Amino acid sequence: SSSECRCYRLHGFSLLKRFPLSADGACGKALDQPVGEWLEQ
């Protein structure tokens, strides 16, 4: 949803740049992403 979105928009699409982090600093979802996506972020 737009209130929770942390994306950059480009021509109606969003390019995810970062995941929200949990209190311990490393969100499980963020750790499951490919290295290439992380480097993009």
PDB file of all heavy atoms in Angstrom:
ATOM      1  N   SER A   1       0.841  -1.199   0.000  1.00  0.00           N
ATOM      2  CA  SER A   1       0.000   0.000   0.000  1.00  0.00           C
ATOM      3  C   SER A   1       0.873   1.245   0.000  1.00  0.00           C
ATOM      4  O   SER A   1       1.985   1.235   0.498  1.00  0.00           O
ATOM      5  CB  SER A   1      -0.931  -0.006   1.215  1.00  0.00           C
ATOM      6  OG  SER A   1      -0.187   0.189   2.399  1.00  0.00           O
ATOM      7  N   SER A   2       0.385   2.312  -0.564  1.00  0.00           N
ATOM      8  CA  SER A   2       1.200   3.517  -0.733  1.00  0.00           C
ATOM      9  C   SER A   2       1.721   4.067   0.592  1.00  0.00           C
ATOM     10  O   SER A   2       2.788   4.652   0.635  1.00  0.00           O
ATOM     11  CB  SER A   2       0.415   4.586  -1.491  1.00  0.00           C
ATOM     12  OG  SER A   2      -0.746   4.925  -0.751  1.00  0.00           O
ATOM     13  N   SER A   3       1.003   3.881   1.685  1.00  0.00           N
ATOM     14  CA  SER A   3       1.482   4.387   2.972  1.00  0.00           C
ATOM     15  C   SER A   3       2.683   3.596   3.480  1.00  0.00           C
ATOM     16  O   SER A   3       3.483   4.097   4.252  1.00  0.00           O
ATOM     17  CB  SER A   3       0.361   4.369   4.014  1.00  0.00           C
ATOM     18  OG  SER A   3      -0.039   3.033   4.261  1.00  0.00           O
ATOM     19  N   GLU A   4       2.804   2.325   3.052  1.00  0.00           N
ATOM     20  CA  GLU A   4       3.908   1.483   3.509  1.00  0.00           C
ATOM     21  C   GLU A   4       5.012   1.347   2.460  1.00  0.00           C
ATOM     22  O   GLU A   4       6.028   0.738   2.705  1.00  0.00           O
ATOM     23  CB  GLU A   4       3.395   0.076   3.829  1.00  0.00           C
ATOM     24  CG  GLU A   4       2.387   0.040   4.951  1.00  0.00           C
ATOM     25  CD  GLU A   4       1.811  -1.361   5.106  1.00  0.00           C
ATOM     26  OE1 GLU A   4       2.481  -2.338   4.742  1.00  0.00           O
ATOM     27  OE2 GLU A   4       0.684  -1.469   5.607  1.00  0.00           O
ATOM     28  N   CYS A   5       4.806   1.899   1.286  1.00  0.00           N
ATOM     29  CA  CYS A   5       5.731   1.706   0.181  1.00  0.00           C
ATOM     30  C   CYS A   5       7.048   2.430   0.422  1.00  0.00           C
ATOM     31  O   CYS A   5       7.070   3.598   0.800  1.00  0.00           O
ATOM     32  CB  CYS A   5       5.103   2.192  -1.115  1.00  0.00           C
ATOM     33  SG  CYS A   5       6.120   1.881  -2.558  1.00  0.00           S
ATOM     34  N   ARG A   6       8.114   1.737   0.219  1.00  0.00           N
ATOM     35  CA  ARG A   6       9.458   2.314   0.296  1.00  0.00           C
ATOM     36  C   ARG A   6      10.150   2.086  -1.039  1.00  0.00           C
ATOM     37  O   ARG A   6      11.237   1.568  -1.102  1.00  0.00           O
ATOM     38  CB  ARG A   6      10.238   1.669   1.421  1.00  0.00           C
ATOM     39  CG  ARG A   6       9.656   1.988   2.765  1.00  0.00           C
ATOM     40  CD  ARG A   6      10.484   1.388   3.839  1.00  0.00           C
ATOM     41  NE  ARG A   6       9.889   1.784   5.103  1.00  0.00           N
ATOM     42  CZ  ARG A   6      10.498   1.704   6.250  1.00  0.00           C
ATOM     43  NH1 ARG A   6      11.703   1.234   6.316  1.00  0.00           N
ATOM     44  NH2 ARG A   6       9.912   2.084   7.339  1.00  0.00           N
ATOM     45  N   CYS A   7       9.454   2.435  -2.105  1.00  0.00           N
ATOM     46  CA  CYS A   7       9.942   2.162  -3.445  1.00  0.00           C
ATOM     47  C   CYS A   7      10.127   3.456  -4.221  1.00  0.00           C
ATOM     48  O   CYS A   7       9.581   4.488  -3.867  1.00  0.00           O
ATOM     49  CB  CYS A   7       8.938   1.300  -4.208  1.00  0.00           C
ATOM     50  SG  CYS A   7       8.483  -0.222  -3.379  1.00  0.00           S
ATOM     51  N   TYR A   8      10.889   3.361  -5.281  1.00  0.00           N
ATOM     52  CA  TYR A   8      11.017   4.454  -6.222  1.00  0.00           C
ATOM     53  C   TYR A   8      10.144   4.118  -7.417  1.00  0.00           C
ATOM     54  O   TYR A   8      10.189   2.999  -7.922  1.00  0.00           O
ATOM     55  CB  TYR A   8      12.478   4.617  -6.659  1.00  0.00           C
ATOM     56  CG  TYR A   8      13.367   5.061  -5.543  1.00  0.00           C
ATOM     57  CD1 TYR A   8      13.977   4.127  -4.715  1.00  0.00           C
ATOM     58  CD2 TYR A   8      13.576   6.406  -5.299  1.00  0.00           C
ATOM     59  CE1 TYR A   8      14.788   4.532  -3.667  1.00  0.00           C
ATOM     60  CE2 TYR A   8      14.397   6.821  -4.258  1.00  0.00           C
ATOM     61  CZ  TYR A   8      14.990   5.884  -3.447  1.00  0.00           C
ATOM     62  OH  TYR A   8      15.791   6.288  -2.417  1.00  0.00           O
ATOM     63  N   ARG A   9       9.349   5.046  -7.876  1.00  0.00           N
ATOM     64  CA  ARG A   9       8.429   4.791  -8.976  1.00  0.00           C
ATOM     65  C   ARG A   9       9.040   5.223 -10.301  1.00  0.00           C
ATOM     66  O   ARG A   9       9.704   6.245 -10.388  1.00  0.00           O
ATOM     67  CB  ARG A   9       7.137   5.541  -8.742  1.00  0.00           C
ATOM     68  CG  ARG A   9       6.471   5.116  -7.453  1.00  0.00           C
ATOM     69  CD  ARG A   9       4.986   4.983  -7.642  1.00  0.00           C
ATOM     70  NE  ARG A   9       4.405   4.469  -6.434  1.00  0.00           N
ATOM     71  CZ  ARG A   9       4.061   3.204  -6.262  1.00  0.00           C
ATOM     72  NH1 ARG A   9       4.228   2.343  -7.206  1.00  0.00           N
ATOM     73  NH2 ARG A   9       3.543   2.805  -5.132  1.00  0.00           N
ATOM     74  N   LEU A  10       8.793   4.412 -11.313  1.00  0.00           N
ATOM     75  CA  LEU A  10       9.281   4.711 -12.651  1.00  0.00           C
ATOM     76  C   LEU A  10       8.240   4.224 -13.650  1.00  0.00           C
ATOM     77  O   LEU A  10       8.004   3.020 -13.765  1.00  0.00           O
ATOM     78  CB  LEU A  10      10.619   4.009 -12.896  1.00  0.00           C
ATOM     79  CG  LEU A  10      11.255   4.191 -14.258  1.00  0.00           C
ATOM     80  CD1 LEU A  10      11.655   5.649 -14.470  1.00  0.00           C
ATOM     81  CD2 LEU A  10      12.479   3.307 -14.369  1.00  0.00           C
ATOM     82  N   HIS A  11       7.587   5.143 -14.338  1.00  0.00           N
ATOM     83  CA  HIS A  11       6.571   4.822 -15.353  1.00  0.00           C
ATOM     84  C   HIS A  11       5.505   3.872 -14.811  1.00  0.00           C
ATOM     85  O   HIS A  11       5.145   2.882 -15.450  1.00  0.00           O
ATOM     86  CB  HIS A  11       7.212   4.217 -16.600  1.00  0.00           C
ATOM     87  CG  HIS A  11       8.287   5.063 -17.198  1.00  0.00           C
ATOM     88  ND1 HIS A  11       8.048   6.313 -17.744  1.00  0.00           N
ATOM     89  CD2 HIS A  11       9.613   4.845 -17.310  1.00  0.00           C
ATOM     90  CE1 HIS A  11       9.186   6.819 -18.181  1.00  0.00           C
ATOM     91  NE2 HIS A  11      10.162   5.951 -17.917  1.00  0.00           N
ATOM     92  N   GLY A  12       4.979   4.160 -13.623  1.00  0.00           N
ATOM     93  CA  GLY A  12       3.925   3.351 -13.046  1.00  0.00           C
ATOM     94  C   GLY A  12       4.400   2.078 -12.377  1.00  0.00           C
ATOM     95  O   GLY A  12       3.617   1.338 -11.808  1.00  0.00           O
ATOM     96  N   PHE A  13       5.674   1.794 -12.446  1.00  0.00           N
ATOM     97  CA  PHE A  13       6.241   0.618 -11.792  1.00  0.00           C
ATOM     98  C   PHE A  13       7.069   1.082 -10.597  1.00  0.00           C
ATOM     99  O   PHE A  13       7.472   2.230 -10.511  1.00  0.00           O
ATOM    100  CB  PHE A  13       7.145  -0.169 -12.744  1.00  0.00           C
ATOM    101  CG  PHE A  13       6.397  -0.843 -13.846  1.00  0.00           C
ATOM    102  CD1 PHE A  13       6.200  -0.206 -15.052  1.00  0.00           C
ATOM    103  CD2 PHE A  13       5.877  -2.111 -13.658  1.00  0.00           C
ATOM    104  CE1 PHE A  13       5.509  -0.823 -16.069  1.00  0.00           C
ATOM    105  CE2 PHE A  13       5.188  -2.741 -14.675  1.00  0.00           C
ATOM    106  CZ  PHE A  13       4.994  -2.089 -15.882  1.00  0.00           C
ATOM    107  N   SER A  14       7.328   0.172  -9.695  1.00  0.00           N
ATOM    108  CA  SER A  14       8.173   0.527  -8.561  1.00  0.00           C
ATOM    109  C   SER A  14       9.415  -0.337  -8.573  1.00  0.00           C
ATOM    110  O   SER A  14       9.367  -1.521  -8.887  1.00  0.00           O
ATOM    111  CB  SER A  14       7.421   0.336  -7.243  1.00  0.00           C
ATOM    112  OG  SER A  14       7.114  -1.005  -7.044  1.00  0.00           O
ATOM    113  N   LEU A  15      10.515   0.280  -8.278  1.00  0.00           N
ATOM    114  CA  LEU A  15      11.775  -0.439  -8.136  1.00  0.00           C
ATOM    115  C   LEU A  15      12.095  -0.477  -6.660  1.00  0.00           C
ATOM    116  O   LEU A  15      12.384   0.550  -6.056  1.00  0.00           O
ATOM    117  CB  LEU A  15      12.889   0.276  -8.911  1.00  0.00           C
ATOM    118  CG  LEU A  15      12.636   0.440 -10.398  1.00  0.00           C
ATOM    119  CD1 LEU A  15      13.727   1.298 -11.018  1.00  0.00           C
ATOM    120  CD2 LEU A  15      12.589  -0.910 -11.067  1.00  0.00           C
ATOM    121  N   LEU A  16      11.995  -1.643  -6.059  1.00  0.00           N
ATOM    122  CA  LEU A  16      12.208  -1.774  -4.627  1.00  0.00           C
ATOM    123  C   LEU A  16      13.654  -1.460  -4.303  1.00  0.00           C
ATOM    124  O   LEU A  16      14.565  -2.043  -4.864  1.00  0.00           O
ATOM    125  CB  LEU A  16      11.860  -3.186  -4.173  1.00  0.00           C
ATOM    126  CG  LEU A  16      11.811  -3.436  -2.690  1.00  0.00           C
ATOM    127  CD1 LEU A  16      10.765  -2.549  -2.028  1.00  0.00           C
ATOM    128  CD2 LEU A  16      11.484  -4.881  -2.415  1.00  0.00           C
ATOM    129  N   LYS A  17      13.880  -0.522  -3.418  1.00  0.00           N
ATOM    130  CA  LYS A  17      15.239  -0.115  -3.069  1.00  0.00           C
ATOM    131  C   LYS A  17      15.678  -0.628  -1.710  1.00  0.00           C
ATOM    132  O   LYS A  17      16.835  -0.797  -1.461  1.00  0.00           O
ATOM    133  CB  LYS A  17      15.356   1.423  -3.093  1.00  0.00           C
ATOM    134  CG  LYS A  17      15.286   1.981  -4.483  1.00  0.00           C
ATOM    135  CD  LYS A  17      16.484   1.552  -5.270  1.00  0.00           C
ATOM    136  CE  LYS A  17      16.461   2.092  -6.673  1.00  0.00           C
ATOM    137  NZ  LYS A  17      17.547   1.612  -7.468  1.00  0.00           N
ATOM    138  N   ARG A  18      14.754  -0.856  -0.798  1.00  0.00           N
ATOM    139  CA  ARG A  18      15.144  -1.380   0.506  1.00  0.00           C
ATOM    140  C   ARG A  18      13.953  -1.978   1.204  1.00  0.00           C
ATOM    141  O   ARG A  18      12.819  -1.593   0.954  1.00  0.00           O
ATOM    142  CB  ARG A  18      15.775  -0.306   1.373  1.00  0.00           C
ATOM    143  CG  ARG A  18      14.860   0.862   1.660  1.00  0.00           C
ATOM    144  CD  ARG A  18      15.630   1.966   2.338  1.00  0.00           C
ATOM    145  NE  ARG A  18      14.977   3.208   2.021  1.00  0.00           N
ATOM    146  CZ  ARG A  18      14.515   4.051   2.910  1.00  0.00           C
ATOM    147  NH1 ARG A  18      14.682   3.826   4.174  1.00  0.00           N
ATOM    148  NH2 ARG A  18      13.910   5.145   2.539  1.00  0.00           N
ATOM    149  N   PHE A  19      14.208  -2.922   2.064  1.00  0.00           N
ATOM    150  CA  PHE A  19      13.174  -3.529   2.878  1.00  0.00           C
ATOM    151  C   PHE A  19      13.209  -2.876   4.244  1.00  0.00           C
ATOM    152  O   PHE A  19      14.267  -2.500   4.722  1.00  0.00           O
ATOM    153  CB  PHE A  19      13.438  -5.036   3.075  1.00  0.00           C
ATOM    154  CG  PHE A  19      13.267  -5.828   1.837  1.00  0.00           C
ATOM    155  CD1 PHE A  19      14.362  -6.259   1.116  1.00  0.00           C
ATOM    156  CD2 PHE A  19      12.006  -6.155   1.379  1.00  0.00           C
ATOM    157  CE1 PHE A  19      14.213  -7.006  -0.025  1.00  0.00           C
ATOM    158  CE2 PHE A  19      11.847  -6.906   0.233  1.00  0.00           C
ATOM    159  CZ  PHE A  19      12.944  -7.333  -0.474  1.00  0.00           C
ATOM    160  N   PRO A  20      12.040  -2.741   4.911  1.00  0.00           N
ATOM    161  CA  PRO A  20      12.088  -2.239   6.283  1.00  0.00           C
ATOM    162  C   PRO A  20      12.828  -3.241   7.153  1.00  0.00           C
ATOM    163  O   PRO A  20      12.708  -4.444   6.969  1.00  0.00           O
ATOM    164  CB  PRO A  20      10.607  -2.145   6.685  1.00  0.00           C
ATOM    165  CG  PRO A  20       9.875  -2.982   5.705  1.00  0.00           C
ATOM    166  CD  PRO A  20      10.717  -3.084   4.474  1.00  0.00           C
ATOM    167  N   LEU A  21      13.645  -2.741   8.060  1.00  0.00           N
ATOM    168  CA  LEU A  21      14.431  -3.614   8.925  1.00  0.00           C
ATOM    169  C   LEU A  21      13.721  -3.842  10.239  1.00  0.00           C
ATOM    170  O   LEU A  21      13.025  -2.976  10.745  1.00  0.00           O
ATOM    171  CB  LEU A  21      15.810  -3.004   9.185  1.00  0.00           C
ATOM    172  CG  LEU A  21      16.708  -2.884   7.963  1.00  0.00           C
ATOM    173  CD1 LEU A  21      17.992  -2.174   8.335  1.00  0.00           C
ATOM    174  CD2 LEU A  21      16.989  -4.231   7.365  1.00  0.00           C
ATOM    175  N   SER A  22      13.934  -5.007  10.797  1.00  0.00           N
ATOM    176  CA  SER A  22      13.368  -5.319  12.096  1.00  0.00           C
ATOM    177  C   SER A  22      14.205  -4.656  13.179  1.00  0.00           C
ATOM    178  O   SER A  22      15.239  -4.060  12.907  1.00  0.00           O
ATOM    179  CB  SER A  22      13.350  -6.833  12.298  1.00  0.00           C
ATOM    180  OG  SER A  22      14.661  -7.328  12.310  1.00  0.00           O
ATOM    181  N   ALA A  23      13.782  -4.816  14.436  1.00  0.00           N
ATOM    182  CA  ALA A  23      14.472  -4.178  15.553  1.00  0.00           C
ATOM    183  C   ALA A  23      15.928  -4.622  15.669  1.00  0.00           C
ATOM    184  O   ALA A  23      16.782  -3.867  16.085  1.00  0.00           O
ATOM    185  CB  ALA A  23      13.732  -4.481  16.852  1.00  0.00           C
ATOM    186  N   ASP A  24      16.229  -5.873  15.289  1.00  0.00           N
ATOM    187  CA  ASP A  24      17.614  -6.341  15.406  1.00  0.00           C
ATOM    188  C   ASP A  24      18.472  -5.926  14.223  1.00  0.00           C
ATOM    189  O   ASP A  24      19.645  -6.249  14.152  1.00  0.00           O
ATOM    190  CB  ASP A  24      17.672  -7.860  15.614  1.00  0.00           C
ATOM    191  CG  ASP A  24      17.241  -8.659  14.392  1.00  0.00           C
ATOM    192  OD1 ASP A  24      16.805  -8.055  13.384  1.00  0.00           O
ATOM    193  OD2 ASP A  24      17.336  -9.893  14.456  1.00  0.00           O
ATOM    194  N   GLY A  25      17.886  -5.191  13.274  1.00  0.00           N
ATOM    195  CA  GLY A  25      18.672  -4.639  12.188  1.00  0.00           C
ATOM    196  C   GLY A  25      18.737  -5.486  10.939  1.00  0.00           C
ATOM    197  O   GLY A  25      19.251  -5.050   9.937  1.00  0.00           O
ATOM    198  N   ALA A  26      18.225  -6.696  10.960  1.00  0.00           N
ATOM    199  CA  ALA A  26      18.286  -7.522   9.754  1.00  0.00           C
ATOM    200  C   ALA A  26      16.977  -8.253   9.559  1.00  0.00           C
ATOM    201  O   ALA A  26      16.672  -9.192  10.257  1.00  0.00           O
ATOM    202  CB  ALA A  26      19.435  -8.513   9.876  1.00  0.00           C
ATOM    203  N   CYS A  27      16.191  -7.805   8.626  1.00  0.00           N
ATOM    204  CA  CYS A  27      14.912  -8.416   8.331  1.00  0.00           C
ATOM    205  C   CYS A  27      15.143  -9.727   7.603  1.00  0.00           C
ATOM    206  O   CYS A  27      15.927  -9.793   6.664  1.00  0.00           O
ATOM    207  CB  CYS A  27      14.086  -7.452   7.479  1.00  0.00           C
ATOM    208  SG  CYS A  27      12.499  -8.112   6.966  1.00  0.00           S
ATOM    209  N   GLY A  28      14.457 -10.783   8.033  1.00  0.00           N
ATOM    210  CA  GLY A  28      14.609 -12.084   7.392  1.00  0.00           C
ATOM    211  C   GLY A  28      14.328 -12.021   5.906  1.00  0.00           C
ATOM    212  O   GLY A  28      14.997 -12.650   5.112  1.00  0.00           O
ATOM    213  N   LYS A  29      13.321 -11.248   5.534  1.00  0.00           N
ATOM    214  CA  LYS A  29      12.971 -11.119   4.120  1.00  0.00           C
ATOM    215  C   LYS A  29      14.125 -10.488   3.345  1.00  0.00           C
ATOM    216  O   LYS A  29      14.428 -10.885   2.224  1.00  0.00           O
ATOM    217  CB  LYS A  29      11.702 -10.280   3.983  1.00  0.00           C
ATOM    218  CG  LYS A  29      11.146 -10.224   2.589  1.00  0.00           C
ATOM    219  CD  LYS A  29       9.828  -9.469   2.569  1.00  0.00           C
ATOM    220  CE  LYS A  29       9.252  -9.422   1.170  1.00  0.00           C
ATOM    221  NZ  LYS A  29       8.005  -8.673   1.121  1.00  0.00           N
ATOM    222  N   ALA A  30      14.791  -9.516   3.937  1.00  0.00           N
ATOM    223  CA  ALA A  30      15.914  -8.855   3.272  1.00  0.00           C
ATOM    224  C   ALA A  30      17.073  -9.821   3.082  1.00  0.00           C
ATOM    225  O   ALA A  30      17.771  -9.757   2.085  1.00  0.00           O
ATOM    226  CB  ALA A  30      16.371  -7.636   4.069  1.00  0.00           C
ATOM    227  N   LEU A  31      17.279 -10.728   4.026  1.00  0.00           N
ATOM    228  CA  LEU A  31      18.387 -11.679   3.924  1.00  0.00           C
ATOM    229  C   LEU A  31      18.121 -12.764   2.892  1.00  0.00           C
ATOM    230  O   LEU A  31      19.050 -13.405   2.428  1.00  0.00           O
ATOM    231  CB  LEU A  31      18.667 -12.324   5.283  1.00  0.00           C
ATOM    232  CG  LEU A  31      19.242 -11.398   6.346  1.00  0.00           C
ATOM    233  CD1 LEU A  31      19.342 -12.119   7.673  1.00  0.00           C
ATOM    234  CD2 LEU A  31      20.585 -10.856   5.927  1.00  0.00           C
ATOM    235  N   ASP A  32      16.862 -12.967   2.535  1.00  0.00           N
ATOM    236  CA  ASP A  32      16.514 -13.983   1.551  1.00  0.00           C
ATOM    237  C   ASP A  32      16.605 -13.483   0.112  1.00  0.00           C
ATOM    238  O   ASP A  32      16.491 -14.262  -0.815  1.00  0.00           O
ATOM    239  CB  ASP A  32      15.104 -14.518   1.808  1.00  0.00           C
ATOM    240  CG  ASP A  32      15.042 -15.389   3.051  1.00  0.00           C
ATOM    241  OD1 ASP A  32      16.094 -15.950   3.437  1.00  0.00           O
ATOM    242  OD2 ASP A  32      13.958 -15.510   3.640  1.00  0.00           O
ATOM    243  N   GLN A  33      16.801 -12.191  -0.060  1.00  0.00           N
ATOM    244  CA  GLN A  33      16.886 -11.654  -1.420  1.00  0.00           C
ATOM    245  C   GLN A  33      18.236 -11.993  -2.052  1.00  0.00           C
ATOM    246  O   GLN A  33      19.212 -12.233  -1.359  1.00  0.00           O
ATOM    247  CB  GLN A  33      16.658 -10.150  -1.406  1.00  0.00           C
ATOM    248  CG  GLN A  33      17.787  -9.351  -0.756  1.00  0.00           C
ATOM    249  CD  GLN A  33      17.519  -7.870  -0.748  1.00  0.00           C
ATOM    250  OE1 GLN A  33      17.065  -7.324  -1.727  1.00  0.00           O
ATOM    251  NE2 GLN A  33      17.797  -7.237   0.376  1.00  0.00           N
ATOM    252  N   PRO A  34      18.283 -12.036  -3.368  1.00  0.00           N
ATOM    253  CA  PRO A  34      19.559 -12.291  -4.046  1.00  0.00           C
ATOM    254  C   PRO A  34      20.570 -11.169  -3.808  1.00  0.00           C
ATOM    255  O   PRO A  34      20.192 -10.014  -3.576  1.00  0.00           O
ATOM    256  CB  PRO A  34      19.174 -12.348  -5.525  1.00  0.00           C
ATOM    257  CG  PRO A  34      17.706 -12.586  -5.546  1.00  0.00           C
ATOM    258  CD  PRO A  34      17.161 -11.960  -4.295  1.00  0.00           C
ATOM    259  N   VAL A  35      21.833 -11.508  -3.880  1.00  0.00           N
ATOM    260  CA  VAL A  35      22.913 -10.545  -3.678  1.00  0.00           C
ATOM    261  C   VAL A  35      22.797  -9.385  -4.662  1.00  0.00           C
ATOM    262  O   VAL A  35      23.021  -8.231  -4.308  1.00  0.00           O
ATOM    263  CB  VAL A  35      24.289 -11.240  -3.796  1.00  0.00           C
ATOM    264  CG1 VAL A  35      25.423 -10.226  -3.802  1.00  0.00           C
ATOM    265  CG2 VAL A  35      24.475 -12.232  -2.664  1.00  0.00           C
ATOM    266  N   GLY A  36      22.406  -9.685  -5.903  1.00  0.00           N
ATOM    267  CA  GLY A  36      22.256  -8.635  -6.914  1.00  0.00           C
ATOM    268  C   GLY A  36      21.223  -7.593  -6.532  1.00  0.00           C
ATOM    269  O   GLY A  36      21.423  -6.394  -6.753  1.00  0.00           O
ATOM    270  N   GLU A  37      20.111  -8.027  -5.943  1.00  0.00           N
ATOM    271  CA  GLU A  37      19.079  -7.074  -5.497  1.00  0.00           C
ATOM    272  C   GLU A  37      19.613  -6.207  -4.363  1.00  0.00           C
ATOM    273  O   GLU A  37      19.358  -5.010  -4.303  1.00  0.00           O
ATOM    274  CB  GLU A  37      17.816  -7.807  -5.058  1.00  0.00           C
ATOM    275  CG  GLU A  37      17.005  -8.342  -6.200  1.00  0.00           C
ATOM    276  CD  GLU A  37      15.731  -9.029  -5.736  1.00  0.00           C
ATOM    277  OE1 GLU A  37      15.231  -8.723  -4.627  1.00  0.00           O
ATOM    278  OE2 GLU A  37      15.227  -9.873  -6.498  1.00  0.00           O
ATOM    279  N   TRP A  38      20.347  -6.826  -3.449  1.00  0.00           N
ATOM    280  CA  TRP A  38      20.915  -6.065  -2.335  1.00  0.00           C
ATOM    281  C   TRP A  38      21.898  -5.022  -2.856  1.00  0.00           C
ATOM    282  O   TRP A  38      21.872  -3.872  -2.431  1.00  0.00           O
ATOM    283  CB  TRP A  38      21.590  -7.023  -1.348  1.00  0.00           C
ATOM    284  CG  TRP A  38      22.343  -6.328  -0.268  1.00  0.00           C
ATOM    285  CD1 TRP A  38      21.812  -5.634   0.788  1.00  0.00           C
ATOM    286  CD2 TRP A  38      23.761  -6.232  -0.144  1.00  0.00           C
ATOM    287  NE1 TRP A  38      22.833  -5.129   1.567  1.00  0.00           N
ATOM    288  CE2 TRP A  38      24.041  -5.480   1.020  1.00  0.00           C
ATOM    289  CE3 TRP A  38      24.828  -6.725  -0.890  1.00  0.00           C
ATOM    290  CZ2 TRP A  38      25.328  -5.198   1.441  1.00  0.00           C
ATOM    291  CZ3 TRP A  38      26.111  -6.449  -0.463  1.00  0.00           C
ATOM    292  CH2 TRP A  38      26.349  -5.694   0.687  1.00  0.00           C
ATOM    293  N   LEU A  39      22.752  -5.422  -3.791  1.00  0.00           N
ATOM    294  CA  LEU A  39      23.710  -4.468  -4.357  1.00  0.00           C
ATOM    295  C   LEU A  39      22.986  -3.348  -5.113  1.00  0.00           C
ATOM    296  O   LEU A  39      23.441  -2.203  -5.104  1.00  0.00           O
ATOM    297  CB  LEU A  39      24.700  -5.189  -5.269  1.00  0.00           C
ATOM    298  CG  LEU A  39      25.760  -6.007  -4.552  1.00  0.00           C
ATOM    299  CD1 LEU A  39      26.485  -6.932  -5.523  1.00  0.00           C
ATOM    300  CD2 LEU A  39      26.747  -5.114  -3.816  1.00  0.00           C
ATOM    301  N   GLU A  40      21.869  -3.663  -5.737  1.00  0.00           N
ATOM    302  CA  GLU A  40      21.051  -2.636  -6.397  1.00  0.00           C
ATOM    303  C   GLU A  40      20.568  -1.627  -5.362  1.00  0.00           C
ATOM    304  O   GLU A  40      20.625  -0.419  -5.579  1.00  0.00           O
ATOM    305  CB  GLU A  40      19.860  -3.286  -7.114  1.00  0.00           C
ATOM    306  CG  GLU A  40      18.877  -2.312  -7.702  1.00  0.00           C
ATOM    307  CD  GLU A  40      19.396  -1.593  -8.936  1.00  0.00           C
ATOM    308  OE1 GLU A  40      20.201  -2.172  -9.671  1.00  0.00           O
ATOM    309  OE2 GLU A  40      18.977  -0.433  -9.143  1.00  0.00           O
ATOM    310  N   GLN A  41      20.135  -2.120  -4.211  1.00  0.00           N
ATOM    311  CA  GLN A  41      19.666  -1.244  -3.135  1.00  0.00           C
ATOM    312  C   GLN A  41      20.798  -0.364  -2.601  1.00  0.00           C
ATOM    313  O   GLN A  41      20.586   0.784  -2.251  1.00  0.00           O
ATOM    314  CB  GLN A  41      19.078  -2.065  -1.985  1.00  0.00           C
ATOM    315  CG  GLN A  41      17.826  -2.800  -2.359  1.00  0.00           C
ATOM    316  CD  GLN A  41      17.448  -3.821  -1.312  1.00  0.00           C
ATOM    317  OE1 GLN A  41      17.960  -3.800  -0.198  1.00  0.00           O
ATOM    318  NE2 GLN A  41      16.562  -4.723  -1.664  1.00  0.00           N
TER     319      GLN A  41
END
